[in-house]
Every structure is written in structure tokens, then in C-alpha cells.
N, C-alpha and C. Protein backbone atom coordinates (compact mmCIF):
# COMPACT_ATOMS: atom_id res chain seq x y z
N MET A 1 129.63 111.34 84.40
CA MET A 1 128.15 110.72 85.21
C MET A 1 127.13 111.53 84.85
N PRO A 2 125.79 110.83 84.50
CA PRO A 2 124.72 111.96 84.22
C PRO A 2 124.19 112.61 85.36
N SER A 3 123.53 113.49 84.95
CA SER A 3 123.04 114.49 86.09
C SER A 3 121.50 114.08 86.18
N GLN A 4 121.37 114.23 87.68
CA GLN A 4 120.04 113.76 88.12
C GLN A 4 118.84 114.65 87.99
N ASP A 5 119.15 115.81 87.41
CA ASP A 5 117.99 116.86 87.25
C ASP A 5 117.01 116.22 86.43
N GLY A 6 116.96 115.44 85.50
CA GLY A 6 115.52 114.98 84.92
C GLY A 6 114.78 114.08 85.69
N ALA A 7 115.59 113.53 86.59
CA ALA A 7 114.77 112.51 87.62
C ALA A 7 114.01 113.41 88.58
N LEU A 8 114.74 114.39 88.75
CA LEU A 8 114.15 115.21 89.85
C LEU A 8 112.73 115.80 89.49
N SER A 9 112.67 116.32 88.21
CA SER A 9 111.16 116.86 87.38
C SER A 9 110.44 115.73 86.95
N THR A 10 111.04 114.53 86.39
CA THR A 10 110.33 113.58 85.84
C THR A 10 109.36 112.73 86.61
N VAL A 11 109.89 112.32 87.78
CA VAL A 11 109.22 111.59 88.90
C VAL A 11 107.83 112.28 89.37
N PRO A 12 107.88 113.59 89.94
CA PRO A 12 106.84 113.95 90.27
C PRO A 12 105.85 114.49 89.08
N ALA A 13 106.35 114.67 87.70
CA ALA A 13 105.46 114.67 86.86
C ALA A 13 104.64 113.55 86.42
N VAL A 14 105.32 112.37 86.47
CA VAL A 14 104.70 110.94 86.15
C VAL A 14 103.86 110.99 87.29
N MET A 15 104.02 110.89 88.49
CA MET A 15 103.06 110.83 89.74
C MET A 15 101.75 111.75 89.45
N GLN A 16 101.90 112.88 89.15
CA GLN A 16 100.83 113.66 89.07
C GLN A 16 100.00 113.14 87.83
N MET A 17 100.43 112.33 86.48
CA MET A 17 99.60 112.11 85.33
C MET A 17 99.28 110.72 85.95
N LEU A 18 99.84 109.90 86.92
CA LEU A 18 99.00 108.65 87.48
C LEU A 18 98.13 108.78 88.22
N GLY A 19 98.00 110.01 89.03
CA GLY A 19 97.25 109.99 89.94
C GLY A 19 97.07 109.39 91.15
N LYS A 20 95.82 108.65 91.52
CA LYS A 20 95.83 107.63 92.84
C LYS A 20 96.44 106.29 92.21
N TRP A 21 96.81 106.36 91.09
CA TRP A 21 97.24 104.94 90.71
C TRP A 21 98.73 105.02 90.73
N ALA A 22 99.48 105.97 91.13
CA ALA A 22 100.79 106.12 91.35
C ALA A 22 100.83 105.45 92.80
N TRP A 23 99.93 105.31 93.82
CA TRP A 23 100.18 104.86 94.86
C TRP A 23 99.81 103.41 95.01
N TRP A 24 98.93 102.68 93.84
CA TRP A 24 98.59 101.43 94.12
C TRP A 24 99.63 100.53 94.42
N LEU A 25 98.88 99.44 95.30
CA LEU A 25 99.68 98.36 95.77
C LEU A 25 99.00 97.06 95.61
N PRO A 26 99.64 96.29 95.12
CA PRO A 26 98.58 94.80 94.92
C PRO A 26 98.20 94.24 96.29
N ALA A 27 97.29 93.61 96.39
CA ALA A 27 96.74 93.16 97.50
C ALA A 27 97.47 92.23 98.13
N PRO A 28 98.10 90.96 97.34
CA PRO A 28 99.10 90.28 98.02
C PRO A 28 100.03 91.12 98.88
N LEU A 29 100.67 91.82 98.36
CA LEU A 29 102.07 92.41 98.67
C LEU A 29 101.62 93.21 100.25
N ALA A 30 100.08 94.02 100.05
CA ALA A 30 99.91 94.88 100.98
C ALA A 30 99.52 94.08 102.28
N ARG A 31 98.77 92.78 101.89
CA ARG A 31 98.48 91.96 103.16
C ARG A 31 100.17 91.50 103.96
N LYS A 32 101.15 91.49 103.10
CA LYS A 32 102.55 91.04 103.64
C LYS A 32 103.10 91.98 104.56
N LEU A 33 102.88 93.41 104.22
CA LEU A 33 103.40 94.70 104.72
C LEU A 33 102.71 94.83 105.93
N PRO A 34 103.79 95.33 107.12
CA PRO A 34 103.03 95.76 108.39
C PRO A 34 102.34 96.99 108.36
N LYS A 35 101.06 96.97 108.78
CA LYS A 35 100.12 98.35 109.03
C LYS A 35 101.15 99.57 109.83
N VAL A 36 101.23 100.39 109.22
CA VAL A 36 101.94 101.62 109.48
C VAL A 36 101.03 102.76 109.51
N SER A 37 100.81 103.54 110.99
CA SER A 37 99.88 104.73 111.21
C SER A 37 100.89 105.93 111.45
N ILE A 38 100.44 107.10 111.01
CA ILE A 38 101.09 108.26 111.16
C ILE A 38 100.43 109.43 112.36
N GLU A 39 99.07 108.65 112.48
CA GLU A 39 98.06 109.49 113.23
C GLU A 39 98.00 108.74 114.86
N ARG A 40 97.98 109.45 116.00
CA ARG A 40 97.67 108.88 116.91
C ARG A 40 96.31 108.21 117.01
N PRO A 41 96.21 107.06 117.63
CA PRO A 41 94.92 106.46 117.86
C PRO A 41 93.94 107.46 118.78
N GLU A 42 92.64 107.22 118.46
CA GLU A 42 91.97 108.22 119.02
C GLU A 42 91.37 107.53 120.71
N HIS A 43 91.60 107.96 121.89
CA HIS A 43 91.15 107.07 123.12
C HIS A 43 89.76 108.00 123.30
N GLY A 44 88.46 107.34 123.45
CA GLY A 44 87.49 107.76 123.57
C GLY A 44 87.09 108.69 124.89
């Protein structure tokens, strides 16, 4: 069984090279996914 050590260093390296494009999501797919927030809403 192959070791996954290569993947543990390759994935972050590729994401670093891609920059903001590593987090790109097509608009049609983004519209279908639920909106999730990790911050509390501000109450005036």
C-alpha cells in the first residue's frame, strides 16, 4: 500500500501555487449550495 506522505506535502504546495483560484467555485454550483457563515451576525 503506497504511503500518503506525498499527498500531505503536494496538496498544500499546489494550493499555494494556485492562490485564490484554489478556492474558485463555479457560479451555478455556488447557487445550489447552502450559504454557511462561521461568524455571528451583528445585532445593531
